[in-house]
Amino acid sequence: FDMLRALGFTHVQQLRTNVTVQLGPFAVTPREAL
């Protein structure tokens, strides 16, 4: 995330499994991989 910010991105967020991100009509939920 430090490198992404160093690349210049101003809105960088770490995802957590089973915590939904709501963006307009989208609900995106990371799920746990093996």
Full PDB file with SEQRES, HELIX, SHEET, SSBOND, CRYST1, ORIGX, SCALE, CONECT and MASTER records, all heavy atoms in Angstrom:
SEQRES   1 A   34  PHE ASP MET LEU ARG ALA LEU GLY PHE THR HIS VAL GLN          
SEQRES   2 A   34  GLN LEU ARG THR ASN VAL THR VAL GLN LEU GLY PRO PHE          
SEQRES   3 A   34  ALA VAL THR PRO ARG GLU ALA LEU                              
HELIX    1 AA1 ASP A    2  ALA A    6  1                                   5    
SHEET    1 AA1 2 VAL A  21  LEU A  23  0                                        
SHEET    2 AA1 2 PHE A  26  VAL A  28 -1                                        
CRYST1    1.000    1.000    1.000  90.00  90.00  90.00 P 1           1          
ORIGX1      1.000000  0.000000  0.000000        0.00000                         
ORIGX2      0.000000  1.000000  0.000000        0.00000                         
ORIGX3      0.000000  0.000000  1.000000        0.00000                         
SCALE1      1.000000  0.000000  0.000000        0.00000                         
SCALE2      0.000000  1.000000  0.000000        0.00000                         
SCALE3      0.000000  0.000000  1.000000        0.00000                         
ATOM      1  N   PHE A   1       0.831  -1.198   0.000  1.00  0.00           N  
ATOM      2  CA  PHE A   1       0.000   0.000   0.000  1.00  0.00           C  
ATOM      3  C   PHE A   1       0.872   1.258   0.000  1.00  0.00           C  
ATOM      4  O   PHE A   1       0.518   2.266  -0.623  1.00  0.00           O  
ATOM      5  CB  PHE A   1      -0.948  -0.039   1.201  1.00  0.00           C  
ATOM      6  CG  PHE A   1      -1.850  -1.246   1.184  1.00  0.00           C  
ATOM      7  CD1 PHE A   1      -1.528  -2.377   1.910  1.00  0.00           C  
ATOM      8  CD2 PHE A   1      -2.992  -1.263   0.397  1.00  0.00           C  
ATOM      9  CE1 PHE A   1      -2.340  -3.501   1.871  1.00  0.00           C  
ATOM     10  CE2 PHE A   1      -3.810  -2.379   0.348  1.00  0.00           C  
ATOM     11  CZ  PHE A   1      -3.479  -3.502   1.090  1.00  0.00           C  
ATOM     12  N   ASP A   2       2.014   1.189   0.659  1.00  0.00           N  
ATOM     13  CA  ASP A   2       2.960   2.304   0.598  1.00  0.00           C  
ATOM     14  C   ASP A   2       3.442   2.513  -0.833  1.00  0.00           C  
ATOM     15  O   ASP A   2       3.575   3.664  -1.289  1.00  0.00           O  
ATOM     16  CB  ASP A   2       4.156   2.031   1.515  1.00  0.00           C  
ATOM     17  CG  ASP A   2       3.795   2.071   2.995  1.00  0.00           C  
ATOM     18  OD1 ASP A   2       2.757   2.672   3.338  1.00  0.00           O  
ATOM     19  OD2 ASP A   2       4.542   1.482   3.799  1.00  0.00           O  
ATOM     20  N   MET A   3       3.709   1.414  -1.551  1.00  0.00           N  
ATOM     21  CA  MET A   3       4.179   1.541  -2.931  1.00  0.00           C  
ATOM     22  C   MET A   3       3.082   2.097  -3.829  1.00  0.00           C  
ATOM     23  O   MET A   3       3.348   2.902  -4.735  1.00  0.00           O  
ATOM     24  CB  MET A   3       4.684   0.192  -3.440  1.00  0.00           C  
ATOM     25  CG  MET A   3       6.039  -0.200  -2.886  1.00  0.00           C  
ATOM     26  SD  MET A   3       6.809  -1.599  -3.753  1.00  0.00           S  
ATOM     27  CE  MET A   3       5.845  -2.977  -3.107  1.00  0.00           C  
ATOM     28  N   LEU A   4       1.832   1.674  -3.619  1.00  0.00           N  
ATOM     29  CA  LEU A   4       0.731   2.212  -4.417  1.00  0.00           C  
ATOM     30  C   LEU A   4       0.590   3.715  -4.197  1.00  0.00           C  
ATOM     31  O   LEU A   4       0.357   4.474  -5.151  1.00  0.00           O  
ATOM     32  CB  LEU A   4      -0.573   1.498  -4.059  1.00  0.00           C  
ATOM     33  CG  LEU A   4      -0.723   0.073  -4.600  1.00  0.00           C  
ATOM     34  CD1 LEU A   4      -1.878  -0.643  -3.909  1.00  0.00           C  
ATOM     35  CD2 LEU A   4      -0.950   0.087  -6.109  1.00  0.00           C  
ATOM     36  N   ARG A   5       0.757   4.134  -2.956  1.00  0.00           N  
ATOM     37  CA  ARG A   5       0.692   5.576  -2.680  1.00  0.00           C  
ATOM     38  C   ARG A   5       1.888   6.295  -3.300  1.00  0.00           C  
ATOM     39  O   ARG A   5       1.750   7.416  -3.821  1.00  0.00           O  
ATOM     40  CB  ARG A   5       0.634   5.809  -1.170  1.00  0.00           C  
ATOM     41  CG  ARG A   5      -0.651   5.265  -0.527  1.00  0.00           C  
ATOM     42  CD  ARG A   5      -0.721   5.585   0.960  1.00  0.00           C  
ATOM     43  NE  ARG A   5      -1.886   4.951   1.568  1.00  0.00           N  
ATOM     44  CZ  ARG A   5      -1.845   3.813   2.264  1.00  0.00           C  
ATOM     45  NH1 ARG A   5      -0.675   3.194   2.462  1.00  0.00           N  
ATOM     46  NH2 ARG A   5      -2.956   3.293   2.770  1.00  0.00           N  
ATOM     47  N   ALA A   6       3.049   5.651  -3.279  1.00  0.00           N  
ATOM     48  CA  ALA A   6       4.231   6.257  -3.903  1.00  0.00           C  
ATOM     49  C   ALA A   6       4.056   6.376  -5.410  1.00  0.00           C  
ATOM     50  O   ALA A   6       4.621   7.286  -6.039  1.00  0.00           O  
ATOM     51  CB  ALA A   6       5.478   5.432  -3.567  1.00  0.00           C  
ATOM     52  N   LEU A   7       3.263   5.486  -5.991  1.00  0.00           N  
ATOM     53  CA  LEU A   7       2.958   5.582  -7.424  1.00  0.00           C  
ATOM     54  C   LEU A   7       2.038   6.759  -7.700  1.00  0.00           C  
ATOM     55  O   LEU A   7       1.899   7.172  -8.856  1.00  0.00           O  
ATOM     56  CB  LEU A   7       2.323   4.265  -7.903  1.00  0.00           C  
ATOM     57  CG  LEU A   7       2.093   4.086  -9.394  1.00  0.00           C  
ATOM     58  CD1 LEU A   7       3.400   4.204 -10.178  1.00  0.00           C  
ATOM     59  CD2 LEU A   7       1.438   2.724  -9.676  1.00  0.00           C  
ATOM     60  N   GLY A   8       1.392   7.267  -6.667  1.00  0.00           N  
ATOM     61  CA  GLY A   8       0.585   8.470  -6.824  1.00  0.00           C  
ATOM     62  C   GLY A   8      -0.888   8.308  -6.528  1.00  0.00           C  
ATOM     63  O   GLY A   8      -1.643   9.285  -6.580  1.00  0.00           O  
ATOM     64  N   PHE A   9      -1.330   7.104  -6.209  1.00  0.00           N  
ATOM     65  CA  PHE A   9      -2.758   6.900  -5.956  1.00  0.00           C  
ATOM     66  C   PHE A   9      -3.127   7.455  -4.590  1.00  0.00           C  
ATOM     67  O   PHE A   9      -2.441   7.224  -3.587  1.00  0.00           O  
ATOM     68  CB  PHE A   9      -3.111   5.411  -6.076  1.00  0.00           C  
ATOM     69  CG  PHE A   9      -3.116   4.933  -7.495  1.00  0.00           C  
ATOM     70  CD1 PHE A   9      -1.994   4.308  -8.036  1.00  0.00           C  
ATOM     71  CD2 PHE A   9      -4.210   5.148  -8.319  1.00  0.00           C  
ATOM     72  CE1 PHE A   9      -1.978   3.889  -9.354  1.00  0.00           C  
ATOM     73  CE2 PHE A   9      -4.204   4.740  -9.645  1.00  0.00           C  
ATOM     74  CZ  PHE A   9      -3.085   4.102 -10.160  1.00  0.00           C  
ATOM     75  N   THR A  10      -4.233   8.196  -4.582  1.00  0.00           N  
ATOM     76  CA  THR A  10      -4.610   8.936  -3.381  1.00  0.00           C  
ATOM     77  C   THR A  10      -5.661   8.232  -2.542  1.00  0.00           C  
ATOM     78  O   THR A  10      -5.878   8.615  -1.391  1.00  0.00           O  
ATOM     79  CB  THR A  10      -5.130  10.332  -3.776  1.00  0.00           C  
ATOM     80  OG1 THR A  10      -6.215  10.183  -4.716  1.00  0.00           O  
ATOM     81  CG2 THR A  10      -4.021  11.154  -4.414  1.00  0.00           C  
ATOM     82  N   HIS A  11      -6.332   7.233  -3.109  1.00  0.00           N  
ATOM     83  CA  HIS A  11      -7.362   6.492  -2.366  1.00  0.00           C  
ATOM     84  C   HIS A  11      -7.015   5.001  -2.434  1.00  0.00           C  
ATOM     85  O   HIS A  11      -7.407   4.298  -3.369  1.00  0.00           O  
ATOM     86  CB  HIS A  11      -8.749   6.746  -2.958  1.00  0.00           C  
ATOM     87  CG  HIS A  11      -9.129   8.191  -3.002  1.00  0.00           C  
ATOM     88  ND1 HIS A  11      -9.500   8.904  -1.881  1.00  0.00           N  
ATOM     89  CD2 HIS A  11      -9.184   9.072  -4.031  1.00  0.00           C  
ATOM     90  CE1 HIS A  11      -9.777  10.151  -2.219  1.00  0.00           C  
ATOM     91  NE2 HIS A  11      -9.589  10.280  -3.518  1.00  0.00           N  
ATOM     92  N   VAL A  12      -6.257   4.546  -1.461  1.00  0.00           N  
ATOM     93  CA  VAL A  12      -5.784   3.169  -1.421  1.00  0.00           C  
ATOM     94  C   VAL A  12      -6.316   2.526  -0.138  1.00  0.00           C  
ATOM     95  O   VAL A  12      -6.075   3.055   0.956  1.00  0.00           O  
ATOM     96  CB  VAL A  12      -4.242   3.096  -1.449  1.00  0.00           C  
ATOM     97  CG1 VAL A  12      -3.770   1.657  -1.365  1.00  0.00           C  
ATOM     98  CG2 VAL A  12      -3.712   3.781  -2.710  1.00  0.00           C  
ATOM     99  N   GLN A  13      -7.021   1.406  -0.283  1.00  0.00           N  
ATOM    100  CA  GLN A  13      -7.621   0.777   0.880  1.00  0.00           C  
ATOM    101  C   GLN A  13      -7.323  -0.713   0.898  1.00  0.00           C  
ATOM    102  O   GLN A  13      -7.341  -1.370  -0.148  1.00  0.00           O  
ATOM    103  CB  GLN A  13      -9.134   1.000   0.901  1.00  0.00           C  
ATOM    104  CG  GLN A  13      -9.528   2.469   1.029  1.00  0.00           C  
ATOM    105  CD  GLN A  13     -10.993   2.641   1.332  1.00  0.00           C  
ATOM    106  OE1 GLN A  13     -11.562   1.941   2.154  1.00  0.00           O  
ATOM    107  NE2 GLN A  13     -11.613   3.598   0.649  1.00  0.00           N  
ATOM    108  N   GLN A  14      -7.089  -1.235   2.083  1.00  0.00           N  
ATOM    109  CA  GLN A  14      -6.838  -2.661   2.273  1.00  0.00           C  
ATOM    110  C   GLN A  14      -8.157  -3.394   2.455  1.00  0.00           C  
ATOM    111  O   GLN A  14      -8.995  -3.010   3.278  1.00  0.00           O  
ATOM    112  CB  GLN A  14      -5.947  -2.873   3.500  1.00  0.00           C  
ATOM    113  CG  GLN A  14      -5.550  -4.315   3.734  1.00  0.00           C  
ATOM    114  CD  GLN A  14      -4.633  -4.457   4.940  1.00  0.00           C  
ATOM    115  OE1 GLN A  14      -4.669  -3.659   5.864  1.00  0.00           O  
ATOM    116  NE2 GLN A  14      -3.805  -5.487   4.921  1.00  0.00           N  
ATOM    117  N   LEU A  15      -8.356  -4.454   1.675  1.00  0.00           N  
ATOM    118  CA  LEU A  15      -9.576  -5.253   1.770  1.00  0.00           C  
ATOM    119  C   LEU A  15      -9.476  -6.260   2.903  1.00  0.00           C  
ATOM    120  O   LEU A  15      -8.395  -6.792   3.200  1.00  0.00           O  
ATOM    121  CB  LEU A  15      -9.824  -5.993   0.456  1.00  0.00           C  
ATOM    122  CG  LEU A  15     -10.192  -5.127  -0.749  1.00  0.00           C  
ATOM    123  CD1 LEU A  15     -10.156  -5.979  -2.022  1.00  0.00           C  
ATOM    124  CD2 LEU A  15     -11.563  -4.482  -0.581  1.00  0.00           C  
ATOM    125  N   ARG A  16     -10.604  -6.536   3.517  1.00  0.00           N  
ATOM    126  CA  ARG A  16     -10.730  -7.583   4.522  1.00  0.00           C  
ATOM    127  C   ARG A  16     -11.757  -8.590   4.032  1.00  0.00           C  
ATOM    128  O   ARG A  16     -12.787  -8.202   3.463  1.00  0.00           O  
ATOM    129  CB  ARG A  16     -11.182  -7.000   5.866  1.00  0.00           C  
ATOM    130  CG  ARG A  16     -10.315  -5.866   6.392  1.00  0.00           C  
ATOM    131  CD  ARG A  16      -8.962  -6.345   6.869  1.00  0.00           C  
ATOM    132  NE  ARG A  16      -8.184  -5.266   7.479  1.00  0.00           N  
ATOM    133  CZ  ARG A  16      -6.936  -5.397   7.894  1.00  0.00           C  
ATOM    134  NH1 ARG A  16      -6.315  -6.558   7.790  1.00  0.00           N  
ATOM    135  NH2 ARG A  16      -6.294  -4.371   8.426  1.00  0.00           N  
ATOM    136  N   THR A  17     -11.472  -9.870   4.249  1.00  0.00           N  
ATOM    137  CA  THR A  17     -12.434 -10.881   3.819  1.00  0.00           C  
ATOM    138  C   THR A  17     -13.752 -10.700   4.564  1.00  0.00           C  
ATOM    139  O   THR A  17     -13.780 -10.373   5.752  1.00  0.00           O  
ATOM    140  CB  THR A  17     -11.901 -12.304   4.043  1.00  0.00           C  
ATOM    141  OG1 THR A  17     -11.506 -12.455   5.405  1.00  0.00           O  
ATOM    142  CG2 THR A  17     -10.714 -12.581   3.142  1.00  0.00           C  
ATOM    143  N   ASN A  18     -14.827 -10.894   3.813  1.00  0.00           N  
ATOM    144  CA  ASN A  18     -16.209 -10.844   4.313  1.00  0.00           C  
ATOM    145  C   ASN A  18     -16.665  -9.443   4.716  1.00  0.00           C  
ATOM    146  O   ASN A  18     -17.725  -9.291   5.333  1.00  0.00           O  
ATOM    147  CB  ASN A  18     -16.407 -11.814   5.483  1.00  0.00           C  
ATOM    148  CG  ASN A  18     -16.036 -13.233   5.114  1.00  0.00           C  
ATOM    149  OD1 ASN A  18     -16.360 -13.710   4.034  1.00  0.00           O  
ATOM    150  ND2 ASN A  18     -15.318 -13.915   6.003  1.00  0.00           N  
ATOM    151  N   VAL A  19     -15.874  -8.421   4.372  1.00  0.00           N  
ATOM    152  CA  VAL A  19     -16.269  -7.032   4.602  1.00  0.00           C  
ATOM    153  C   VAL A  19     -16.608  -6.417   3.250  1.00  0.00           C  
ATOM    154  O   VAL A  19     -15.742  -6.278   2.383  1.00  0.00           O  
ATOM    155  CB  VAL A  19     -15.153  -6.239   5.298  1.00  0.00           C  
ATOM    156  CG1 VAL A  19     -15.586  -4.781   5.476  1.00  0.00           C  
ATOM    157  CG2 VAL A  19     -14.813  -6.856   6.644  1.00  0.00           C  
ATOM    158  N   THR A  20     -17.866  -6.058   3.062  1.00  0.00           N  
ATOM    159  CA  THR A  20     -18.363  -5.623   1.761  1.00  0.00           C  
ATOM    160  C   THR A  20     -18.018  -4.171   1.480  1.00  0.00           C  
ATOM    161  O   THR A  20     -18.095  -3.307   2.368  1.00  0.00           O  
ATOM    162  CB  THR A  20     -19.891  -5.813   1.689  1.00  0.00           C  
ATOM    163  OG1 THR A  20     -20.200  -7.192   1.875  1.00  0.00           O  
ATOM    164  CG2 THR A  20     -20.448  -5.347   0.355  1.00  0.00           C  
ATOM    165  N   VAL A  21     -17.636  -3.905   0.234  1.00  0.00           N  
ATOM    166  CA  VAL A  21     -17.431  -2.546  -0.263  1.00  0.00           C  
ATOM    167  C   VAL A  21     -18.621  -2.197  -1.147  1.00  0.00           C  
ATOM    168  O   VAL A  21     -18.912  -2.906  -2.120  1.00  0.00           O  
ATOM    169  CB  VAL A  21     -16.120  -2.426  -1.063  1.00  0.00           C  
ATOM    170  CG1 VAL A  21     -15.978  -1.020  -1.640  1.00  0.00           C  
ATOM    171  CG2 VAL A  21     -14.922  -2.771  -0.189  1.00  0.00           C  
ATOM    172  N   GLN A  22     -19.314  -1.118  -0.827  1.00  0.00           N  
ATOM    173  CA  GLN A  22     -20.480  -0.688  -1.598  1.00  0.00           C  
ATOM    174  C   GLN A  22     -20.085   0.486  -2.484  1.00  0.00           C  
ATOM    175  O   GLN A  22     -19.581   1.515  -2.001  1.00  0.00           O  
ATOM    176  CB  GLN A  22     -21.609  -0.276  -0.661  1.00  0.00           C  
ATOM    177  CG  GLN A  22     -22.939  -0.053  -1.363  1.00  0.00           C  
ATOM    178  CD  GLN A  22     -23.624  -1.359  -1.760  1.00  0.00           C  
ATOM    179  OE1 GLN A  22     -23.707  -2.293  -0.956  1.00  0.00           O  
ATOM    180  NE2 GLN A  22     -24.125  -1.422  -2.992  1.00  0.00           N  
ATOM    181  N   LEU A  23     -20.279   0.326  -3.783  1.00  0.00           N  
ATOM    182  CA  LEU A  23     -19.982   1.377  -4.756  1.00  0.00           C  
ATOM    183  C   LEU A  23     -21.160   1.492  -5.711  1.00  0.00           C  
ATOM    184  O   LEU A  23     -21.302   0.688  -6.642  1.00  0.00           O  
ATOM    185  CB  LEU A  23     -18.706   1.053  -5.543  1.00  0.00           C  
ATOM    186  CG  LEU A  23     -17.366   1.231  -4.833  1.00  0.00           C  
ATOM    187  CD1 LEU A  23     -16.268   0.558  -5.626  1.00  0.00           C  
ATOM    188  CD2 LEU A  23     -17.059   2.709  -4.664  1.00  0.00           C  
ATOM    189  N   GLY A  24     -22.032   2.484  -5.479  1.00  0.00           N  
ATOM    190  CA  GLY A  24     -23.204   2.614  -6.333  1.00  0.00           C  
ATOM    191  C   GLY A  24     -24.001   1.329  -6.345  1.00  0.00           C  
ATOM    192  O   GLY A  24     -24.380   0.799  -5.290  1.00  0.00           O  
ATOM    193  N   PRO A  25     -24.229   0.757  -7.536  1.00  0.00           N  
ATOM    194  CA  PRO A  25     -25.021  -0.473  -7.606  1.00  0.00           C  
ATOM    195  C   PRO A  25     -24.242  -1.726  -7.212  1.00  0.00           C  
ATOM    196  O   PRO A  25     -24.815  -2.816  -7.141  1.00  0.00           O  
ATOM    197  CB  PRO A  25     -25.410  -0.538  -9.088  1.00  0.00           C  
ATOM    198  CG  PRO A  25     -24.284   0.159  -9.792  1.00  0.00           C  
ATOM    199  CD  PRO A  25     -23.838   1.256  -8.869  1.00  0.00           C  
ATOM    200  N   PHE A  26     -22.935  -1.586  -6.949  1.00  0.00           N  
ATOM    201  CA  PHE A  26     -22.087  -2.753  -6.699  1.00  0.00           C  
ATOM    202  C   PHE A  26     -21.888  -2.991  -5.200  1.00  0.00           C  
ATOM    203  O   PHE A  26     -21.614  -2.070  -4.436  1.00  0.00           O  
ATOM    204  CB  PHE A  26     -20.702  -2.569  -7.336  1.00  0.00           C  
ATOM    205  CG  PHE A  26     -20.697  -2.688  -8.827  1.00  0.00           C  
ATOM    206  CD1 PHE A  26     -20.721  -1.549  -9.624  1.00  0.00           C  
ATOM    207  CD2 PHE A  26     -20.679  -3.937  -9.436  1.00  0.00           C  
ATOM    208  CE1 PHE A  26     -20.713  -1.650 -11.001  1.00  0.00           C  
ATOM    209  CE2 PHE A  26     -20.670  -4.048 -10.818  1.00  0.00           C  
ATOM    210  CZ  PHE A  26     -20.691  -2.906 -11.604  1.00  0.00           C  
ATOM    211  N   ALA A  27     -22.005  -4.271  -4.826  1.00  0.00           N  
ATOM    212  CA  ALA A  27     -21.586  -4.742  -3.512  1.00  0.00           C  
ATOM    213  C   ALA A  27     -20.514  -5.790  -3.757  1.00  0.00           C  
ATOM    214  O   ALA A  27     -20.795  -6.883  -4.275  1.00  0.00           O  
ATOM    215  CB  ALA A  27     -22.748  -5.331  -2.740  1.00  0.00           C  
ATOM    216  N   VAL A  28     -19.263  -5.452  -3.417  1.00  0.00           N  
ATOM    217  CA  VAL A  28     -18.127  -6.334  -3.671  1.00  0.00           C  
ATOM    218  C   VAL A  28     -17.620  -6.845  -2.318  1.00  0.00           C  
ATOM    219  O   VAL A  28     -17.221  -6.053  -1.460  1.00  0.00           O  
ATOM    220  CB  VAL A  28     -17.000  -5.605  -4.419  1.00  0.00           C  
ATOM    221  CG1 VAL A  28     -15.827  -6.551  -4.669  1.00  0.00           C  
ATOM    222  CG2 VAL A  28     -17.516  -5.027  -5.733  1.00  0.00           C  
ATOM    223  N   THR A  29     -17.628  -8.180  -2.176  1.00  0.00           N  
ATOM    224  CA  THR A  29     -17.215  -8.784  -0.914  1.00  0.00           C  
ATOM    225  C   THR A  29     -16.043  -9.716  -1.151  1.00  0.00           C  
ATOM    226  O   THR A  29     -16.182 -10.731  -1.842  1.00  0.00           O  
ATOM    227  CB  THR A  29     -18.369  -9.576  -0.282  1.00  0.00           C  
ATOM    228  OG1 THR A  29     -19.526  -8.759  -0.193  1.00  0.00           O  
ATOM    229  CG2 THR A  29     -17.980 -10.059   1.112  1.00  0.00           C  
ATOM    230  N   PRO A  30     -14.874  -9.400  -0.607  1.00  0.00           N  
ATOM    231  CA  PRO A  30     -13.761 -10.349  -0.706  1.00  0.00           C  
ATOM    232  C   PRO A  30     -14.086 -11.611   0.100  1.00  0.00           C  
ATOM    233  O   PRO A  30     -14.603 -11.524   1.217  1.00  0.00           O  
ATOM    234  CB  PRO A  30     -12.587  -9.588  -0.083  1.00  0.00           C  
ATOM    235  CG  PRO A  30     -13.001  -8.151  -0.061  1.00  0.00           C  
ATOM    236  CD  PRO A  30     -14.482  -8.160   0.084  1.00  0.00           C  
ATOM    237  N   ARG A  31     -13.774 -12.758  -0.468  1.00  0.00           N  
ATOM    238  CA  ARG A  31     -13.983 -14.031   0.215  1.00  0.00           C  
ATOM    239  C   ARG A  31     -12.643 -14.722   0.401  1.00  0.00           C  
ATOM    240  O   ARG A  31     -11.712 -14.550  -0.381  1.00  0.00           O  
ATOM    241  CB  ARG A  31     -14.942 -14.926  -0.581  1.00  0.00           C  
ATOM    242  CG  ARG A  31     -16.347 -14.346  -0.734  1.00  0.00           C  
ATOM    243  CD  ARG A  31     -17.029 -14.126   0.596  1.00  0.00           C  
ATOM    244  NE  ARG A  31     -18.414 -13.667   0.447  1.00  0.00           N  
ATOM    245  CZ  ARG A  31     -19.192 -13.306   1.455  1.00  0.00           C  
ATOM    246  NH1 ARG A  31     -18.709 -13.323   2.696  1.00  0.00           N  
ATOM    247  NH2 ARG A  31     -20.432 -12.900   1.237  1.00  0.00           N  
ATOM    248  N   GLU A  32     -12.566 -15.534   1.436  1.00  0.00           N  
ATOM    249  CA  GLU A  32     -11.304 -16.150   1.826  1.00  0.00           C  
ATOM    250  C   GLU A  32     -10.896 -17.262   0.875  1.00  0.00           C  
ATOM    251  O   GLU A  32     -11.668 -18.183   0.608  1.00  0.00           O  
ATOM    252  CB  GLU A  32     -11.423 -16.702   3.247  1.00  0.00           C  
ATOM    253  CG  GLU A  32     -10.135 -17.297   3.789  1.00  0.00           C  
ATOM    254  CD  GLU A  32     -10.292 -17.810   5.207  1.00  0.00           C  
ATOM    255  OE1 GLU A  32     -11.312 -17.479   5.840  1.00  0.00           O  
ATOM    256  OE2 GLU A  32      -9.402 -18.542   5.672  1.00  0.00           O  
ATOM    257  N   ALA A  33      -9.682 -17.192   0.369  1.00  0.00           N  
ATOM    258  CA  ALA A  33      -9.114 -18.246  -0.466  1.00  0.00           C  
ATOM    259  C   ALA A  33      -8.394 -19.260   0.410  1.00  0.00           C  
ATOM    260  O   ALA A  33      -8.196 -19.047   1.610  1.00  0.00           O  
ATOM    261  CB  ALA A  33      -8.152 -17.648  -1.480  1.00  0.00           C  
ATOM    262  N   LEU A  34      -8.017 -20.376  -0.195  1.00  0.00           N  
ATOM    263  CA  LEU A  34      -7.335 -21.423   0.562  1.00  0.00           C  
ATOM    264  C   LEU A  34      -6.026 -20.901   1.148  1.00  0.00           C  
ATOM    265  O   LEU A  34      -5.705 -21.168   2.304  1.00  0.00           O  
ATOM    266  CB  LEU A  34      -7.078 -22.637  -0.340  1.00  0.00           C  
ATOM    267  CG  LEU A  34      -6.443 -23.851   0.336  1.00  0.00           C  
ATOM    268  CD1 LEU A  34      -7.337 -24.397   1.440  1.00  0.00           C  
ATOM    269  CD2 LEU A  34      -6.158 -24.941  -0.695  1.00  0.00           C  
TER     270      LEU A  34                                                      
MASTER        0    0    0    1    2    0    0    6  269    1    0    3          
END                                                                             
